[in-house]
Amino acid sequence: VDLDAQAAAASPHQLVVMLIDGLLDEVERARGHIEAGRLAQKGASISKSMNILIGLDSALDEKNGGEIAENLHQLYDFCQMELYQASLHNDVEKLSNVAGVMSNIREGWVSFGQQA
């Protein structure tokens, strides 16, 4: 309920940060599932992570976003491939790659929001 209330009151910028936070949480859950051998739950977490990335990617305005939108699109594609490989090979290093990229993107969004 609290998350729904936050989302309803959030600006588009804040929603992106919330989505990235959710993605980072889900990637960490996937790591825990891999390490504990819970493969069904790992698959569900990676699927949720991919769905968040698809949502972030579909929100890009490539016409007006120019190079930034294209770079974000490529980073989101990279993260999806890393998640796929992490799922296929139970590779927590691939999850670390996704977490690193998305943490950097999150920092950029937070900085942008403070300047706007």
N, C-alpha and C. Protein backbone atom coordinates (compact mmCIF):
# COMPACT_ATOMS: atom_id res chain seq x y z
N VAL A 1 0.83 -1.19 0.00
CA VAL A 1 0.00 0.00 0.00
C VAL A 1 0.87 1.25 0.00
N ASP A 2 1.92 1.25 0.83
CA ASP A 2 2.82 2.40 0.90
C ASP A 2 3.49 2.64 -0.45
N LEU A 3 3.92 1.58 -1.10
CA LEU A 3 4.56 1.71 -2.41
C LEU A 3 3.58 2.26 -3.44
N ASP A 4 2.33 1.80 -3.39
CA ASP A 4 1.32 2.31 -4.31
C ASP A 4 1.09 3.80 -4.09
N ALA A 5 1.07 4.21 -2.84
CA ALA A 5 0.88 5.63 -2.52
C ALA A 5 2.06 6.46 -3.02
N GLN A 6 3.27 5.93 -2.84
CA GLN A 6 4.47 6.64 -3.31
C GLN A 6 4.44 6.76 -4.83
N ALA A 7 4.08 5.70 -5.51
CA ALA A 7 4.04 5.71 -6.97
C ALA A 7 2.99 6.69 -7.48
N ALA A 8 1.84 6.74 -6.81
CA ALA A 8 0.77 7.64 -7.25
C ALA A 8 1.18 9.10 -7.12
N ALA A 9 2.01 9.42 -6.12
CA ALA A 9 2.42 10.80 -5.88
C ALA A 9 3.73 11.17 -6.57
N ALA A 10 4.38 10.21 -7.21
CA ALA A 10 5.72 10.42 -7.76
C ALA A 10 5.68 11.12 -9.12
N SER A 11 6.72 11.89 -9.37
CA SER A 11 6.93 12.47 -10.69
C SER A 11 7.47 11.39 -11.62
N PRO A 12 7.45 11.61 -12.93
CA PRO A 12 8.03 10.61 -13.84
C PRO A 12 9.49 10.31 -13.49
N HIS A 13 10.24 11.32 -13.10
CA HIS A 13 11.63 11.13 -12.71
C HIS A 13 11.73 10.20 -11.50
N GLN A 14 10.90 10.44 -10.50
CA GLN A 14 10.91 9.62 -9.29
C GLN A 14 10.47 8.18 -9.60
N LEU A 15 9.54 8.04 -10.54
CA LEU A 15 9.11 6.68 -10.92
C LEU A 15 10.25 5.88 -11.52
N VAL A 16 11.08 6.54 -12.35
CA VAL A 16 12.23 5.84 -12.93
C VAL A 16 13.17 5.37 -11.83
N VAL A 17 13.44 6.24 -10.86
CA VAL A 17 14.33 5.86 -9.75
C VAL A 17 13.71 4.70 -8.97
N MET A 18 12.39 4.76 -8.75
CA MET A 18 11.72 3.67 -8.03
C MET A 18 11.83 2.36 -8.80
N LEU A 19 11.67 2.41 -10.12
CA LEU A 19 11.81 1.20 -10.93
C LEU A 19 13.22 0.63 -10.85
N ILE A 20 14.21 1.51 -10.92
CA ILE A 20 15.59 1.05 -10.83
C ILE A 20 15.85 0.44 -9.45
N ASP A 21 15.33 1.07 -8.40
CA ASP A 21 15.47 0.50 -7.05
C ASP A 21 14.84 -0.89 -6.98
N GLY A 22 13.66 -1.04 -7.57
CA GLY A 22 13.01 -2.34 -7.60
C GLY A 22 13.82 -3.37 -8.36
N LEU A 23 14.41 -2.94 -9.47
CA LEU A 23 15.26 -3.83 -10.26
C LEU A 23 16.47 -4.28 -9.44
N LEU A 24 17.11 -3.33 -8.78
CA LEU A 24 18.30 -3.67 -7.98
C LEU A 24 17.93 -4.63 -6.84
N ASP A 25 16.78 -4.42 -6.21
CA ASP A 25 16.32 -5.33 -5.16
C ASP A 25 16.09 -6.73 -5.72
N GLU A 26 15.47 -6.79 -6.89
CA GLU A 26 15.15 -8.09 -7.50
C GLU A 26 16.42 -8.82 -7.94
N VAL A 27 17.40 -8.09 -8.44
CA VAL A 27 18.68 -8.70 -8.83
C VAL A 27 19.35 -9.29 -7.59
N GLU A 28 19.27 -8.58 -6.47
CA GLU A 28 19.86 -9.10 -5.23
C GLU A 28 19.11 -10.35 -4.76
N ARG A 29 17.80 -10.37 -4.93
CA ARG A 29 17.03 -11.58 -4.60
C ARG A 29 17.46 -12.74 -5.47
N ALA A 30 17.65 -12.47 -6.76
CA ALA A 30 18.08 -13.53 -7.69
C ALA A 30 19.43 -14.10 -7.23
N ARG A 31 20.32 -13.21 -6.79
CA ARG A 31 21.62 -13.67 -6.29
C ARG A 31 21.43 -14.64 -5.11
N GLY A 32 20.59 -14.26 -4.18
CA GLY A 32 20.32 -15.12 -3.03
C GLY A 32 19.73 -16.45 -3.44
N HIS A 33 18.83 -16.42 -4.41
CA HIS A 33 18.21 -17.67 -4.88
C HIS A 33 19.25 -18.57 -5.56
N ILE A 34 20.14 -17.99 -6.35
CA ILE A 34 21.18 -18.80 -6.99
C ILE A 34 22.08 -19.42 -5.93
N GLU A 35 22.51 -18.60 -4.98
CA GLU A 35 23.42 -19.10 -3.95
C GLU A 35 22.78 -20.18 -3.08
N ALA A 36 21.46 -20.10 -2.90
CA ALA A 36 20.75 -21.10 -2.09
C ALA A 36 20.22 -22.27 -2.92
N GLY A 37 20.41 -22.22 -4.24
CA GLY A 37 19.95 -23.31 -5.10
C GLY A 37 18.44 -23.32 -5.34
N ARG A 38 17.79 -22.18 -5.12
CA ARG A 38 16.34 -22.08 -5.35
C ARG A 38 16.12 -21.62 -6.80
N LEU A 39 16.16 -22.57 -7.71
CA LEU A 39 16.18 -22.24 -9.12
C LEU A 39 14.85 -21.69 -9.64
N ALA A 40 13.73 -22.18 -9.14
CA ALA A 40 12.44 -21.65 -9.58
C ALA A 40 12.29 -20.19 -9.17
N GLN A 41 12.67 -19.88 -7.94
CA GLN A 41 12.58 -18.51 -7.45
C GLN A 41 13.58 -17.61 -8.19
N LYS A 42 14.76 -18.17 -8.52
CA LYS A 42 15.74 -17.42 -9.31
C LYS A 42 15.13 -17.01 -10.64
N GLY A 43 14.47 -17.94 -11.29
CA GLY A 43 13.84 -17.66 -12.57
C GLY A 43 12.78 -16.57 -12.46
N ALA A 44 12.00 -16.61 -11.39
CA ALA A 44 10.97 -15.59 -11.19
C ALA A 44 11.60 -14.22 -10.96
N SER A 45 12.67 -14.16 -10.18
CA SER A 45 13.34 -12.88 -9.92
C SER A 45 13.98 -12.32 -11.18
N ILE A 46 14.59 -13.17 -11.96
CA ILE A 46 15.21 -12.69 -13.20
C ILE A 46 14.14 -12.25 -14.19
N SER A 47 13.03 -12.94 -14.23
CA SER A 47 11.92 -12.54 -15.09
C SER A 47 11.38 -11.16 -14.69
N LYS A 48 11.21 -10.94 -13.39
CA LYS A 48 10.76 -9.63 -12.92
C LYS A 48 11.77 -8.55 -13.29
N SER A 49 13.05 -8.86 -13.13
CA SER A 49 14.10 -7.90 -13.48
C SER A 49 14.05 -7.55 -14.95
N MET A 50 13.89 -8.55 -15.79
CA MET A 50 13.80 -8.29 -17.24
C MET A 50 12.57 -7.46 -17.58
N ASN A 51 11.46 -7.74 -16.92
CA ASN A 51 10.24 -6.96 -17.17
C ASN A 51 10.43 -5.49 -16.79
N ILE A 52 11.14 -5.24 -15.71
CA ILE A 52 11.42 -3.85 -15.33
C ILE A 52 12.29 -3.20 -16.39
N LEU A 53 13.30 -3.91 -16.86
CA LEU A 53 14.16 -3.35 -17.92
C LEU A 53 13.36 -3.06 -19.18
N ILE A 54 12.47 -3.96 -19.54
CA ILE A 54 11.63 -3.74 -20.72
C ILE A 54 10.77 -2.49 -20.52
N GLY A 55 10.24 -2.31 -19.32
CA GLY A 55 9.45 -1.12 -19.03
C GLY A 55 10.28 0.14 -19.12
N LEU A 56 11.48 0.12 -18.55
CA LEU A 56 12.36 1.29 -18.63
C LEU A 56 12.71 1.59 -20.08
N ASP A 57 13.01 0.55 -20.84
CA ASP A 57 13.39 0.74 -22.25
C ASP A 57 12.22 1.29 -23.07
N SER A 58 11.03 0.78 -22.82
CA SER A 58 9.87 1.23 -23.60
C SER A 58 9.50 2.67 -23.28
N ALA A 59 9.92 3.18 -22.14
CA ALA A 59 9.62 4.57 -21.76
C ALA A 59 10.59 5.57 -22.40
N LEU A 60 11.66 5.07 -23.02
CA LEU A 60 12.62 5.98 -23.65
C LEU A 60 11.99 6.69 -24.84
N ASP A 61 12.28 7.96 -24.97
CA ASP A 61 11.82 8.77 -26.11
C ASP A 61 13.00 8.91 -27.06
N GLU A 62 13.14 7.92 -27.94
CA GLU A 62 14.31 7.91 -28.82
C GLU A 62 14.30 9.07 -29.81
N LYS A 63 13.12 9.56 -30.17
CA LYS A 63 13.04 10.67 -31.11
C LYS A 63 13.61 11.96 -30.49
N ASN A 64 13.22 12.25 -29.25
CA ASN A 64 13.66 13.48 -28.60
C ASN A 64 14.84 13.27 -27.66
N GLY A 65 15.11 12.02 -27.29
CA GLY A 65 16.16 11.73 -26.33
C GLY A 65 17.55 11.67 -26.92
N GLY A 66 17.64 11.54 -28.23
CA GLY A 66 18.92 11.55 -28.92
C GLY A 66 19.89 10.51 -28.41
N GLU A 67 21.13 10.93 -28.25
CA GLU A 67 22.22 10.04 -27.88
C GLU A 67 22.03 9.44 -26.49
N ILE A 68 21.48 10.21 -25.58
CA ILE A 68 21.27 9.68 -24.22
C ILE A 68 20.28 8.52 -24.25
N ALA A 69 19.18 8.69 -24.97
CA ALA A 69 18.19 7.61 -25.07
C ALA A 69 18.79 6.38 -25.74
N GLU A 70 19.59 6.60 -26.77
CA GLU A 70 20.22 5.47 -27.46
C GLU A 70 21.20 4.75 -26.54
N ASN A 71 21.98 5.50 -25.78
CA ASN A 71 22.93 4.89 -24.83
C ASN A 71 22.21 4.10 -23.76
N LEU A 72 21.12 4.66 -23.23
CA LEU A 72 20.33 3.93 -22.23
C LEU A 72 19.75 2.66 -22.82
N HIS A 73 19.25 2.75 -24.05
CA HIS A 73 18.71 1.56 -24.72
C HIS A 73 19.77 0.46 -24.81
N GLN A 74 20.98 0.84 -25.20
CA GLN A 74 22.06 -0.15 -25.31
C GLN A 74 22.43 -0.73 -23.95
N LEU A 75 22.43 0.10 -22.91
CA LEU A 75 22.73 -0.40 -21.57
C LEU A 75 21.64 -1.34 -21.07
N TYR A 76 20.38 -1.00 -21.34
CA TYR A 76 19.29 -1.88 -20.94
C TYR A 76 19.37 -3.21 -21.69
N ASP A 77 19.71 -3.18 -22.98
CA ASP A 77 19.90 -4.42 -23.74
C ASP A 77 21.03 -5.26 -23.15
N PHE A 78 22.15 -4.59 -22.82
CA PHE A 78 23.27 -5.29 -22.20
C PHE A 78 22.82 -5.98 -20.91
N CYS A 79 22.07 -5.25 -20.08
CA CYS A 79 21.62 -5.81 -18.81
C CYS A 79 20.69 -7.00 -19.03
N GLN A 80 19.84 -6.93 -20.05
CA GLN A 80 18.96 -8.06 -20.33
C GLN A 80 19.77 -9.30 -20.74
N MET A 81 20.78 -9.08 -21.55
CA MET A 81 21.64 -10.22 -21.96
C MET A 81 22.39 -10.80 -20.77
N GLU A 82 22.87 -9.93 -19.89
CA GLU A 82 23.58 -10.40 -18.69
C GLU A 82 22.62 -11.20 -17.80
N LEU A 83 21.40 -10.72 -17.65
CA LEU A 83 20.42 -11.46 -16.85
C LEU A 83 20.12 -12.82 -17.46
N TYR A 84 19.99 -12.85 -18.78
CA TYR A 84 19.75 -14.12 -19.47
C TYR A 84 20.90 -15.10 -19.20
N GLN A 85 22.13 -14.61 -19.33
CA GLN A 85 23.30 -15.46 -19.10
C GLN A 85 23.38 -15.88 -17.62
N ALA A 86 23.05 -14.97 -16.73
CA ALA A 86 23.05 -15.31 -15.29
C ALA A 86 22.06 -16.42 -15.01
N SER A 87 20.90 -16.34 -15.64
CA SER A 87 19.88 -17.37 -15.44
C SER A 87 20.31 -18.70 -16.04
N LEU A 88 20.86 -18.62 -17.24
CA LEU A 88 21.25 -19.83 -17.95
C LEU A 88 22.37 -20.59 -17.23
N HIS A 89 23.32 -19.84 -16.68
CA HIS A 89 24.51 -20.46 -16.09
C HIS A 89 24.61 -20.30 -14.57
N ASN A 90 23.54 -19.78 -13.94
CA ASN A 90 23.57 -19.52 -12.50
C ASN A 90 24.82 -18.73 -12.10
N ASP A 91 25.07 -17.67 -12.84
CA ASP A 91 26.30 -16.88 -12.73
C ASP A 91 26.03 -15.58 -11.97
N VAL A 92 26.44 -15.54 -10.71
CA VAL A 92 26.20 -14.34 -9.90
C VAL A 92 27.07 -13.16 -10.36
N GLU A 93 28.17 -13.43 -11.05
CA GLU A 93 29.00 -12.34 -11.58
C GLU A 93 28.23 -11.52 -12.62
N LYS A 94 27.43 -12.19 -13.41
CA LYS A 94 26.59 -11.48 -14.39
C LYS A 94 25.59 -10.58 -13.68
N LEU A 95 25.07 -11.05 -12.55
CA LEU A 95 24.16 -10.22 -11.75
C LEU A 95 24.89 -9.00 -11.21
N SER A 96 26.15 -9.18 -10.82
CA SER A 96 26.95 -8.05 -10.34
C SER A 96 27.14 -7.02 -11.44
N ASN A 97 27.33 -7.49 -12.67
CA ASN A 97 27.46 -6.56 -13.81
C ASN A 97 26.20 -5.72 -13.97
N VAL A 98 25.05 -6.36 -13.87
CA VAL A 98 23.77 -5.65 -14.00
C VAL A 98 23.62 -4.65 -12.87
N ALA A 99 23.91 -5.09 -11.66
CA ALA A 99 23.79 -4.19 -10.51
C ALA A 99 24.71 -2.99 -10.65
N GLY A 100 25.91 -3.19 -11.15
CA GLY A 100 26.84 -2.08 -11.34
C GLY A 100 26.35 -1.08 -12.36
N VAL A 101 25.90 -1.58 -13.51
CA VAL A 101 25.41 -0.69 -14.57
C VAL A 101 24.18 0.08 -14.08
N MET A 102 23.24 -0.63 -13.49
CA MET A 102 22.01 0.02 -13.07
C MET A 102 22.23 0.97 -11.89
N SER A 103 23.18 0.68 -11.04
CA SER A 103 23.51 1.60 -9.95
C SER A 103 24.07 2.90 -10.52
N ASN A 104 24.90 2.79 -11.54
CA ASN A 104 25.43 4.00 -12.19
C ASN A 104 24.32 4.81 -12.85
N ILE A 105 23.41 4.13 -13.52
CA ILE A 105 22.29 4.83 -14.15
C ILE A 105 21.44 5.50 -13.07
N ARG A 106 21.22 4.80 -11.97
CA ARG A 106 20.43 5.38 -10.87
C ARG A 106 21.09 6.65 -10.35
N GLU A 107 22.41 6.61 -10.16
CA GLU A 107 23.12 7.80 -9.69
C GLU A 107 22.92 8.97 -10.64
N GLY A 108 22.95 8.68 -11.93
CA GLY A 108 22.71 9.73 -12.92
C GLY A 108 21.31 10.32 -12.80
N TRP A 109 20.32 9.48 -12.62
CA TRP A 109 18.93 9.95 -12.47
C TRP A 109 18.78 10.77 -11.20
N VAL A 110 19.41 10.33 -10.12
CA VAL A 110 19.31 11.07 -8.86
C VAL A 110 19.98 12.44 -9.01
N SER A 111 21.15 12.47 -9.62
CA SER A 111 21.84 13.75 -9.85
C SER A 111 21.02 14.67 -10.75
N PHE A 112 20.44 14.10 -11.79
CA PHE A 112 19.60 14.87 -12.71
C PHE A 112 18.42 15.47 -11.95
N GLY A 113 17.81 14.68 -11.09
CA GLY A 113 16.66 15.15 -10.33
C GLY A 113 17.01 16.27 -9.38
N GLN A 114 18.20 16.23 -8.82
CA GLN A 114 18.62 17.28 -7.89
C GLN A 114 18.89 18.59 -8.64
N GLN A 115 19.33 18.47 -9.90
CA GLN A 115 19.63 19.65 -10.69
C GLN A 115 18.39 20.25 -11.33
N ALA A 116 17.38 19.41 -11.57
CA ALA A 116 16.19 19.88 -12.29
C ALA A 116 15.30 20.77 -11.43
